[in-house]
Protein backbone atom coordinates (compact mmCIF):
# COMPACT_ATOMS: atom_id res chain seq x y z
CA MET A 1 151.08 76.99 -164.89
CA PHE A 2 150.76 78.42 -161.18
CA ILE A 3 147.75 80.65 -162.69
CA LEU A 4 145.74 77.86 -164.94
CA SER A 5 146.13 75.46 -161.66
CA LEU A 6 144.01 78.22 -159.81
CA GLN A 7 141.66 78.47 -162.48
CA ALA A 8 141.60 74.52 -162.25
CA LEU A 9 140.84 74.89 -158.28
CA SER A 10 137.75 77.54 -159.13
CA TYR A 11 136.07 74.62 -160.76
CA LEU A 12 136.16 72.43 -157.71
CA PRO A 13 133.15 73.85 -156.21
CA TRP A 14 131.05 73.22 -159.42
CA VAL A 15 132.49 69.85 -160.12
CA ALA A 16 131.37 68.91 -156.46
CA LEU A 17 127.83 70.45 -156.70
CA LEU A 18 127.21 68.84 -160.12
CA GLY A 19 128.69 65.44 -158.63
CA SER A 20 126.55 65.72 -155.69
CA LEU A 21 123.16 66.69 -158.27
CA GLY A 22 124.18 63.43 -160.08
CA TRP A 23 124.37 61.27 -157.07
CA MET A 24 120.74 62.60 -155.99
CA LEU A 25 119.32 62.03 -158.95
CA HIS A 26 120.76 58.52 -159.33
CA VAL A 27 119.50 57.40 -155.62
CA ARG A 28 116.26 58.96 -156.21
CA PHE A 29 115.57 58.04 -159.69
CA LEU A 30 117.64 55.29 -161.19
CA HIS A 31 118.90 53.26 -157.89
CA PRO A 32 117.40 49.60 -158.09
CA LEU A 33 115.34 50.47 -154.73
CA ALA A 34 113.94 54.00 -156.75
CA GLY A 35 110.63 52.09 -156.21
CA VAL A 36 110.38 51.76 -153.19
CA PRO A 37 108.06 54.10 -151.07
CA VAL A 38 110.93 56.66 -149.08
CA PRO A 39 110.88 60.29 -147.70
CA LEU A 40 112.76 62.43 -149.60
CA LEU A 41 115.94 62.59 -147.30
CA PRO A 42 116.47 58.60 -146.50
CA SER A 43 116.50 58.26 -150.01
CA LEU A 44 119.23 60.84 -150.44
CA THR A 45 121.79 60.22 -147.70
CA ARG A 46 122.22 57.49 -145.30
CA LEU A 47 123.00 60.32 -142.21
CA TRP A 48 119.22 60.65 -141.96
CA TYR A 49 119.25 57.21 -140.65
CA VAL A 50 122.41 57.58 -138.71
CA TRP A 51 121.14 60.46 -137.18
CA LYS A 52 117.65 58.72 -136.03
CA VAL A 53 119.49 55.98 -134.35
CA ARG A 54 121.98 58.15 -132.86
CA GLU A 55 119.09 59.95 -130.93
CA GLY A 56 117.69 57.01 -130.00
CA SER A 57 113.87 57.47 -131.63
CA PHE A 58 114.48 54.97 -134.52
CA ASP A 59 112.10 52.45 -133.55
CA GLU A 60 109.18 54.59 -132.93
CA VAL A 61 110.29 56.33 -136.35
CA ASN A 62 110.56 52.93 -137.93
CA ARG A 63 107.10 52.47 -137.00
CA ASP A 64 105.56 55.46 -138.22
CA LEU A 65 106.95 54.73 -141.51
CA HIS A 66 105.55 51.58 -141.83
CA ARG A 67 102.26 52.87 -140.99
CA LYS A 68 102.73 55.35 -143.32
CA TYR A 69 104.20 53.87 -146.49
CA GLY A 70 103.39 50.04 -145.86
CA GLY A 71 105.42 46.92 -145.96
CA LEU A 72 108.65 48.18 -147.66
CA VAL A 73 110.03 51.24 -146.71
CA ARG A 74 113.21 52.70 -147.61
CA ILE A 75 115.13 53.71 -145.06
CA ALA A 76 118.74 54.91 -146.59
CA PRO A 77 119.57 55.26 -149.98
CA ASN A 78 120.89 51.18 -149.86
CA GLU A 79 118.38 49.73 -147.33
CA VAL A 80 114.78 48.91 -147.07
CA SER A 81 113.28 48.05 -143.88
CA VAL A 82 110.79 45.28 -144.33
CA SER A 83 107.65 44.66 -141.99
CA ASP A 84 105.73 41.81 -143.88
CA PRO A 85 105.65 38.71 -141.30
CA GLU A 86 105.95 36.43 -144.02
CA ALA A 87 109.09 37.96 -144.89
CA VAL A 88 110.74 36.59 -141.90
CA PRO A 89 111.53 32.88 -143.19
CA LEU A 90 112.61 33.96 -146.23
CA ILE A 91 115.40 36.33 -144.87
CA TYR A 92 116.31 34.46 -141.45
CA GLY A 93 115.05 30.96 -142.22
CA ILE A 94 117.40 28.41 -141.50
CA LYS A 95 117.69 27.62 -145.01
CA SER A 96 117.63 31.67 -146.01
CA LYS A 97 120.41 32.63 -148.67
CA PHE A 98 120.41 36.24 -147.13
CA THR A 99 123.97 36.92 -145.75
CA LYS A 100 124.85 39.07 -143.47
CA THR A 101 126.11 43.28 -144.19
CA ASP A 102 129.57 44.80 -143.40
CA PHE A 103 127.42 46.31 -140.52
CA TYR A 104 128.74 43.57 -138.56
CA PRO A 105 132.26 43.25 -138.77
CA VAL A 106 132.76 46.39 -136.52
CA TRP A 107 131.72 44.35 -133.53
CA LYS A 108 134.61 41.75 -134.34
CA PRO A 109 136.68 41.63 -131.35
CA ASP A 110 140.14 41.99 -131.77
CA ALA A 111 141.85 41.36 -128.49
CA PHE A 112 142.41 37.79 -129.04
CA ALA A 113 144.86 35.73 -131.22
CA THR A 114 142.27 33.56 -133.11
CA LYS A 115 141.42 33.74 -136.72
CA HIS A 116 138.20 32.61 -135.78
CA ALA A 117 135.14 35.49 -135.90
CA ASP A 118 132.49 34.86 -133.12
CA GLN A 119 129.24 34.04 -133.92
CA PHE A 120 127.84 37.30 -134.14
CA THR A 121 130.17 38.90 -136.42
CA ASP A 122 130.88 36.02 -138.71
CA LEU A 123 130.18 36.69 -142.10
CA ASN A 124 131.07 33.15 -143.70
CA GLU A 125 128.14 31.25 -143.40
CA ALA A 126 130.16 27.70 -143.91
CA HIS A 127 132.36 28.53 -140.98
CA HIS A 128 129.70 29.70 -139.05
CA ALA A 129 127.45 26.78 -139.45
CA ALA A 130 130.47 24.68 -138.40
CA ARG A 131 131.68 26.72 -135.18
CA ARG A 132 127.78 26.94 -134.38
CA ARG A 133 127.92 23.00 -134.55
CA LEU A 134 130.88 23.02 -132.63
CA LEU A 135 129.71 24.99 -129.90
CA SER A 136 125.70 24.19 -129.79
CA ASN A 137 126.00 21.89 -127.29
CA ILE A 138 127.95 24.04 -124.58
CA TYR A 139 124.70 26.71 -125.11
CA SER A 140 122.08 24.21 -124.75
CA MET A 141 119.66 24.47 -121.73
CA SER A 142 121.47 22.19 -119.99
CA SER A 143 124.39 24.26 -119.11
CA PRO A 144 122.46 27.02 -117.04
CA LEU A 145 120.51 24.46 -115.36
CA GLU A 146 123.88 23.04 -114.30
CA SER A 147 124.65 25.71 -112.51
CA GLU A 148 121.09 27.21 -111.22
CA ALA A 149 121.93 26.75 -107.71
CA HIS A 150 124.85 29.43 -108.15
CA VAL A 151 122.53 31.40 -110.06
CA ASP A 152 120.13 31.20 -107.03
CA GLY A 153 122.72 32.74 -104.86
CA CYS A 154 122.74 35.62 -107.55
CA THR A 155 119.46 36.08 -107.09
CA GLU A 156 119.39 35.60 -102.95
CA LEU A 157 122.51 38.44 -103.10
CA PHE A 158 119.93 40.78 -105.35
CA MET A 159 116.76 40.68 -103.09
CA ALA A 160 118.90 41.05 -99.98
CA ARG A 161 120.50 44.13 -101.82
CA LEU A 162 116.52 45.41 -102.62
CA SER A 163 115.24 44.63 -99.35
CA GLU A 164 118.65 47.32 -97.72
CA PHE A 165 116.46 49.59 -100.12
CA ALA A 166 113.09 48.70 -98.95
CA ALA A 167 114.34 49.13 -95.39
CA ASN A 168 115.38 52.43 -95.71
CA GLY A 169 112.80 53.89 -97.85
CA LYS A 170 115.30 55.37 -100.42
CA VAL A 171 114.82 55.45 -104.23
CA LEU A 172 116.87 53.36 -106.56
CA ASP A 173 117.52 53.14 -110.03
CA LEU A 174 116.21 49.38 -110.59
CA GLY A 175 117.53 49.42 -114.21
CA ILE A 176 121.25 49.63 -112.82
CA TRP A 177 120.92 47.38 -110.18
CA LEU A 178 119.10 44.83 -112.74
CA GLN A 179 122.23 45.21 -115.21
CA MET A 180 124.57 44.61 -112.20
CA TYR A 181 122.20 41.08 -111.50
CA ALA A 182 122.61 40.24 -115.05
CA PHE A 183 126.22 40.66 -115.39
CA ASP A 184 126.58 38.70 -111.90
CA ILE A 185 124.64 35.65 -113.29
CA ILE A 186 127.10 36.03 -116.91
CA GLY A 187 129.90 35.76 -114.22
CA GLU A 188 128.47 32.72 -112.75
CA LEU A 189 127.15 30.99 -115.43
CA PHE A 190 130.12 31.49 -117.67
CA PHE A 191 133.64 31.98 -115.21
CA GLY A 192 132.13 29.86 -112.16
CA GLN A 193 131.96 32.92 -109.91
CA ALA A 194 130.13 36.51 -109.69
CA PHE A 195 132.33 39.48 -110.80
CA GLY A 196 131.34 41.32 -107.79
CA PHE A 197 128.71 44.13 -109.13
CA LEU A 198 125.74 42.71 -106.48
CA GLU A 199 128.59 42.18 -103.72
CA THR A 200 130.27 45.90 -103.67
CA GLY A 201 127.21 47.63 -104.76
CA SER A 202 129.16 49.03 -107.76
CA ASP A 203 129.70 49.00 -111.35
CA PHE A 204 133.01 46.75 -111.34
CA GLY A 205 135.83 47.67 -113.77
CA ARG A 206 133.04 50.70 -114.99
CA TRP A 207 131.82 48.45 -117.55
CA ILE A 208 128.29 49.14 -117.36
CA GLY A 209 129.71 53.40 -118.15
CA THR A 210 131.86 52.13 -120.74
CA LEU A 211 129.06 50.06 -122.58
CA ASP A 212 126.94 53.00 -122.52
CA ARG A 213 129.30 55.55 -123.94
CA LEU A 214 130.84 53.07 -126.46
CA MET A 215 127.41 51.84 -127.82
CA SER A 216 126.75 55.19 -129.09
CA VAL A 217 130.12 55.39 -131.10
CA LEU A 218 130.06 51.95 -132.53
CA ILE A 219 126.31 52.12 -133.62
CA VAL A 220 127.49 55.03 -135.54
CA VAL A 221 130.50 53.43 -137.10
CA ALA A 222 128.86 50.27 -138.07
CA MET A 223 126.04 52.40 -139.88
CA LEU A 224 128.44 54.25 -141.88
CA PRO A 225 129.60 53.41 -145.14
CA ASN A 226 133.44 51.89 -145.03
CA ALA A 227 134.95 54.80 -146.43
CA PHE A 228 133.55 57.19 -143.44
CA ARG A 229 134.39 54.86 -140.52
CA PRO A 230 137.80 56.05 -139.79
CA PHE A 231 137.34 59.50 -140.08
CA TYR A 232 134.00 59.24 -137.49
CA LEU A 233 136.61 56.80 -135.06
CA ILE A 234 139.01 59.46 -134.96
CA PHE A 235 136.75 62.48 -134.53
CA CYS A 236 135.23 60.36 -131.46
CA ILE A 237 138.96 59.49 -130.26
CA MET A 238 139.51 63.52 -130.37
CA PHE A 239 137.72 63.33 -126.95
CA ALA A 240 138.76 62.22 -123.57
CA SER A 241 135.58 60.28 -122.57
CA THR A 242 135.75 58.14 -125.69
CA ARG A 243 139.41 57.23 -125.13
CA SER A 244 138.83 56.31 -121.26
CA ALA A 245 136.14 54.48 -122.22
CA LEU A 246 137.86 52.21 -124.73
CA LYS A 247 140.54 51.96 -121.80
CA ASP A 248 137.82 50.56 -119.68
CA PHE A 249 136.44 48.18 -122.79
CA GLU A 250 139.89 46.56 -123.10
CA GLY A 251 139.53 45.99 -119.40
CA VAL A 252 136.78 43.66 -120.25
CA ALA A 253 138.86 41.50 -122.75
CA THR A 254 141.84 41.50 -120.15
CA THR A 255 139.11 40.23 -117.53
CA ALA A 256 137.84 36.96 -120.11
CA LYS A 257 142.06 36.37 -120.57
CA ASN A 258 142.43 36.47 -116.79
CA TYR A 259 139.91 34.09 -115.72
CA VAL A 260 140.76 31.42 -118.92
CA GLY A 261 144.57 31.78 -117.24
CA ARG A 262 143.61 30.99 -113.97
CA ARG A 263 141.33 28.04 -115.09
CA GLU A 264 144.09 26.73 -117.21
CA ASP A 265 146.78 27.10 -114.53
CA MET A 266 144.24 25.63 -112.16
CA MET A 267 143.83 22.50 -114.51
CA ARG A 268 147.56 22.11 -115.11
CA SER A 269 148.23 22.08 -111.61
CA GLU A 270 149.05 18.93 -109.63
CA ASP A 271 147.06 19.86 -106.69
CA ILE A 272 144.35 17.74 -106.64
CA GLU A 273 142.31 19.40 -103.86
CA ALA A 274 142.28 22.10 -105.91
CA SER A 275 140.99 19.77 -108.64
CA ALA A 276 138.49 18.57 -107.11
CA SER A 277 137.48 21.57 -105.68
CA ASN A 278 136.23 22.53 -109.37
CA LYS A 279 133.51 20.15 -110.05
CA ARG A 280 131.37 22.55 -111.18
CA ARG A 281 130.49 22.24 -114.78
CA ASP A 282 129.94 26.08 -115.89
CA ILE A 283 130.50 27.05 -119.72
CA LEU A 284 134.34 27.82 -119.05
CA THR A 285 134.57 23.84 -117.75
CA LYS A 286 132.84 22.57 -120.70
CA LEU A 287 134.89 24.85 -123.25
CA PHE A 288 138.42 23.10 -121.67
CA GLU A 289 136.50 19.82 -122.27
CA LEU A 290 135.85 20.91 -125.99
CA ARG A 291 139.34 21.80 -126.35
CA ALA A 292 140.74 18.77 -124.62
CA HIS A 293 138.73 16.42 -126.71
CA LYS A 294 138.27 18.84 -130.34
CA GLY A 295 140.96 21.48 -130.26
CA GLU A 296 143.39 19.96 -132.58
CA LYS A 297 140.49 18.43 -134.83
CA ASP A 298 138.71 21.74 -135.57
CA ASP A 299 141.43 24.37 -134.55
CA PHE A 300 139.65 25.46 -131.12
CA GLY A 301 142.44 27.00 -128.45
CA ILE A 302 142.80 29.09 -125.51
CA ALA A 303 142.09 31.98 -127.49
CA ASP A 304 139.07 30.67 -128.59
CA ILE A 305 137.90 30.36 -125.48
CA GLN A 306 138.87 33.71 -124.42
CA GLN A 307 136.76 35.17 -127.23
CA GLU A 308 133.69 33.25 -126.06
CA GLY A 309 134.22 34.83 -122.70
CA TYR A 310 134.15 38.06 -123.70
CA VAL A 311 131.43 37.64 -126.17
CA ASN A 312 129.44 36.48 -123.12
CA ILE A 313 129.93 39.26 -121.01
CA LEU A 314 129.11 41.74 -123.35
CA ALA A 315 126.41 41.03 -125.49
CA GLY A 316 124.60 38.69 -122.55
CA SER A 317 124.59 41.19 -119.56
CA ASP A 318 122.86 44.19 -121.76
CA THR A 319 120.55 42.10 -123.63
CA THR A 320 119.42 40.48 -120.56
CA ALA A 321 118.81 43.28 -118.26
CA ILE A 322 117.25 44.89 -121.13
CA ALA A 323 114.64 42.28 -121.27
CA MET A 324 114.05 42.26 -117.41
CA ARG A 325 113.34 46.12 -117.24
CA ALA A 326 110.92 45.86 -119.66
CA ILE A 327 109.31 43.13 -117.73
CA ILE A 328 109.38 44.59 -114.48
CA HIS A 329 108.24 48.57 -116.39
CA GLN A 330 105.55 46.64 -117.97
CA LEU A 331 104.27 45.27 -114.63
CA LEU A 332 104.77 48.36 -112.48
CA THR A 333 102.64 50.40 -114.84
CA HIS A 334 99.79 47.30 -115.11
CA PRO A 335 98.97 47.13 -111.85
CA ALA A 336 96.16 44.48 -112.50
CA ALA A 337 98.51 42.26 -114.43
CA LEU A 338 101.09 42.84 -111.57
CA ASN A 339 98.29 41.08 -109.16
CA LYS A 340 96.88 38.57 -111.22
CA LEU A 341 100.73 37.56 -111.55
CA MET A 342 101.37 37.36 -107.71
CA GLN A 343 98.14 35.62 -107.61
CA GLU A 344 99.34 32.75 -109.85
CA LEU A 345 102.60 32.58 -107.89
CA GLU A 346 101.21 32.58 -104.23
CA GLU A 347 98.83 30.01 -105.41
CA ALA A 348 101.55 27.97 -106.86
CA LEU A 349 103.65 28.28 -104.18
CA HIS A 350 100.65 27.03 -101.42
CA ALA A 351 99.78 24.06 -103.78
CA GLY A 352 103.10 23.16 -103.87
CA ARG A 353 103.59 23.72 -107.48
CA ILE A 354 106.87 25.95 -107.00
CA SER A 355 109.35 26.52 -104.37
CA LEU A 356 111.79 29.55 -103.31
CA PRO A 357 113.90 30.32 -104.81
CA VAL A 358 111.64 29.49 -108.31
CA LYS A 359 113.43 26.69 -110.40
CA PHE A 360 113.50 26.96 -114.10
CA SER A 361 111.51 23.71 -114.84
CA ASP A 362 108.79 25.12 -112.46
CA ALA A 363 108.61 28.73 -113.79
CA LEU A 364 107.98 27.15 -117.43
CA LYS A 365 104.63 25.71 -115.40
CA LEU A 366 103.23 29.31 -114.89
CA PRO A 367 100.97 30.50 -117.66
CA TYR A 368 100.60 33.60 -116.67
CA TYR A 369 104.07 34.44 -115.74
CA SER A 370 105.45 32.86 -119.09
CA ALA A 371 102.74 35.56 -120.71
CA CYS A 372 104.53 38.22 -119.01
CA VAL A 373 107.68 37.64 -120.09
CA ARG A 374 106.93 37.13 -123.90
CA GLU A 375 104.58 40.07 -123.93
CA ALA A 376 107.33 42.68 -122.06
CA MET A 377 109.99 41.30 -124.87
CA ARG A 378 107.50 41.60 -127.51
CA LEU A 379 106.97 45.11 -126.97
CA HIS A 380 110.31 45.69 -126.09
CA PRO A 381 113.09 43.66 -127.96
CA SER A 382 116.59 43.91 -126.65
CA VAL A 383 117.64 44.95 -130.49
CA ALA A 384 115.64 47.80 -132.03
CA LEU A 385 117.21 48.06 -135.49
CA GLY A 386 116.94 45.78 -138.41
CA LEU A 387 119.14 42.60 -138.70
CA GLN A 388 120.44 43.90 -141.79
CA ARG A 389 120.87 41.04 -144.97
CA TYR A 390 122.38 41.07 -148.30
CA PRO A 391 119.87 39.06 -150.99
CA PRO A 392 121.16 36.20 -152.67
CA PRO A 393 123.43 36.69 -155.65
CA GLU A 394 120.44 35.29 -158.21
CA GLY A 395 117.84 38.21 -156.33
CA CYS A 396 114.65 37.62 -154.68
CA GLU A 397 111.24 38.83 -154.38
CA ILE A 398 110.01 40.43 -151.23
CA SER A 399 106.59 41.28 -150.56
CA GLY A 400 105.69 41.68 -154.27
CA ARG A 401 108.95 43.34 -155.00
CA TYR A 402 111.99 42.27 -156.81
CA PHE A 403 115.24 42.85 -155.07
CA PRO A 404 118.29 42.35 -157.30
CA GLY A 405 121.22 40.21 -156.18
CA SER A 406 123.83 43.27 -155.22
CA LYS A 407 126.02 44.18 -152.31
CA SER A 408 124.92 47.70 -152.98
CA VAL A 409 121.44 46.91 -151.57
CA ARG A 410 120.30 45.61 -148.27
CA VAL A 411 117.20 44.47 -146.45
CA ALA A 412 116.01 44.55 -143.10
CA ILE A 413 113.43 43.50 -140.17
CA ASN A 414 113.20 45.48 -137.15
CA ALA A 415 111.80 43.61 -134.02
CA ALA A 416 110.81 46.58 -132.73
CA VAL A 417 108.29 47.13 -135.65
CA LEU A 418 107.29 43.41 -136.70
CA HIS A 419 106.52 42.70 -133.00
CA TYR A 420 103.77 45.13 -133.49
CA ASP A 421 101.83 43.67 -136.58
CA THR A 422 98.12 43.76 -136.14
CA ASP A 423 97.76 40.60 -138.59
CA VAL A 424 99.65 38.68 -136.37
CA PHE A 425 99.47 40.03 -132.93
CA GLY A 426 96.02 41.69 -133.19
CA ASP A 427 94.38 44.80 -133.47
CA ASP A 428 95.83 45.87 -129.95
CA ALA A 429 99.29 44.72 -130.67
CA ALA A 430 100.47 48.18 -129.46
CA ASP A 431 99.03 47.46 -125.82
CA PHE A 432 100.59 44.99 -122.97
CA SER A 433 97.95 42.11 -122.79
CA LEU A 434 98.81 39.11 -121.94
CA ASP A 435 95.71 37.24 -122.91
CA ARG A 436 96.81 37.28 -126.58
CA TRP A 437 99.58 34.44 -125.16
CA LEU A 438 96.70 32.45 -123.42
CA ALA A 439 94.29 32.44 -126.13
CA PRO A 440 94.62 29.86 -128.75
CA GLY A 441 96.93 30.47 -131.56
CA ALA A 442 99.83 31.56 -129.31
CA ALA A 443 102.18 29.36 -130.99
CA ASN A 444 101.72 31.21 -134.19
CA MET A 445 102.86 34.42 -133.00
CA GLU A 446 106.04 32.81 -131.71
CA ARG A 447 107.12 32.13 -134.72
CA TYR A 448 107.25 35.99 -135.41
CA LEU A 449 109.15 36.79 -132.19
CA LEU A 450 112.69 38.29 -133.67
CA THR A 451 113.85 38.64 -130.30
CA PHE A 452 116.61 36.52 -130.53
CA GLY A 453 117.05 36.61 -134.07
CA GLY A 454 115.87 33.92 -136.33
CA GLY A 455 116.95 30.77 -138.34
CA SER A 456 120.90 29.96 -137.97
CA ARG A 457 121.73 32.94 -136.80
CA THR A 458 119.38 32.70 -133.57
CA CYS A 459 121.61 33.97 -130.46
CA ILE A 460 123.80 31.33 -129.57
CA GLY A 461 123.15 31.94 -125.82
CA LYS A 462 119.43 32.27 -125.64
CA ASN A 463 118.71 30.16 -123.36
CA ILE A 464 121.60 31.48 -121.00
CA SER A 465 119.18 35.00 -121.40
CA GLN A 466 115.98 33.03 -121.23
CA LYS A 467 117.50 31.15 -117.54
CA SER A 468 118.35 34.58 -116.36
CA LEU A 469 114.89 36.06 -117.03
CA LYS A 470 113.08 33.06 -115.78
CA LYS A 471 115.02 33.52 -112.56
CA SER A 472 113.88 36.65 -111.58
CA ASP A 473 117.88 52.33 -128.39
CA TRP A 474 120.33 51.98 -129.45
CA TRP A 475 121.69 49.16 -131.30
CA PHE A 476 120.72 47.31 -127.89
CA HIS A 477 117.20 48.79 -126.96
CA LYS A 478 118.21 50.24 -123.60
CA GLN A 479 115.97 52.12 -121.34
CA GLU A 480 116.65 54.60 -118.76
CA GLY A 481 115.21 55.80 -115.58
CA LEU A 482 113.61 53.17 -113.96
CA LEU A 483 113.49 54.85 -110.42
CA VAL A 484 111.55 52.85 -108.02
CA ARG A 485 110.81 52.97 -104.14
CA LEU A 486 110.55 49.58 -102.50
CA SER A 487 108.32 48.15 -99.88
CA VAL A 488 108.35 44.85 -98.09
CA ARG A 489 105.44 42.80 -99.05
């Protein structure tokens, strides 16, 4: 019996080899996506895709693949990258029947006692729509505008810190300081007070370092098939740096809970003076008002408020900082554009069209400045991976090819590819050119910007990010090494 068992084990390598060959033949020649153009490796294994993302080069690789193979490129055995601009409303439009994939639940917060998913990770379209209707007024442009004076305080402190560097002539990593600035803005807008990044000149709670370490882990987990995710997580947790980052990550959730708890205690308090002093209508105040008026009817409680705070801290700061870094980098590397922008600002200031600090409503009236923001975010979107979707159950046609309605098939449009499309943005789409946004037809180009996602899944915090920008590559397309030396103008 023992001998028979040994003999059976001796066949296992052959069984594994034949199984692997069978899989390769299936995904290469018999899979529903077999006819989509693809290099050899991506058609055989998803690990190629994961590796390119992990090394931080996928945005360039993705563009190169589309230049070589056309509008449809198979980037994994079960996933197709789409670069056809006309597919944007089909896949991401308001009435789209495409649904989010299993990529998204990996990012779901699990530190809060709520049964409701946040807006980003929610896979239930009906539930997502209902919660978005519930929250949309809170995240409208009125919220950041009501806190504009307090955001100006962050800006003044940020400029004071930069002036210190200018005075001593030291080189600074402006990218890090922009992220600290973004974090403090989120604190002001959401919780009614800055976290203290700019005040202390340090990484509060080690959040910036934590995000950098964990993002590279979580993006791989999200991209791997479900069966492999636990094994990769266990492997990563073996490293002390990952365990430390996870502990610091918990601190973000704790901070959100503490801020919400303090606000709840203050609102319960009979201290009239304390209540009167809190007349700021920050987002947290509005969420408590929502809970008071609709909490029971729509099942919106304290845990939901905590979760909103947590998501805002993480998602809002990184994407906003990436966009600000992109704008400044492009201006520093294109001095003619920088000089023209400074001329526009100085003329507007002397004419009384703007004041210092610049109000958001006034910034919108500066066409060259608005063009700078759009163009920098076009060339360097905050997210440089495709936003994965499953085709509808009945299947659909994309760029002349039929895609079956199956959970074994997923499609995605990468903003870092679409934004370089020459049919939409011109033959110079790869260049930093502000004239494209000042010419007729600019509105048509805006239809194809996926900076904040698209359709009903457009980032609900879009207005907060835009407010921050006007005031001043992994999953997140983060830059490093924006080292500068400052001087007073």
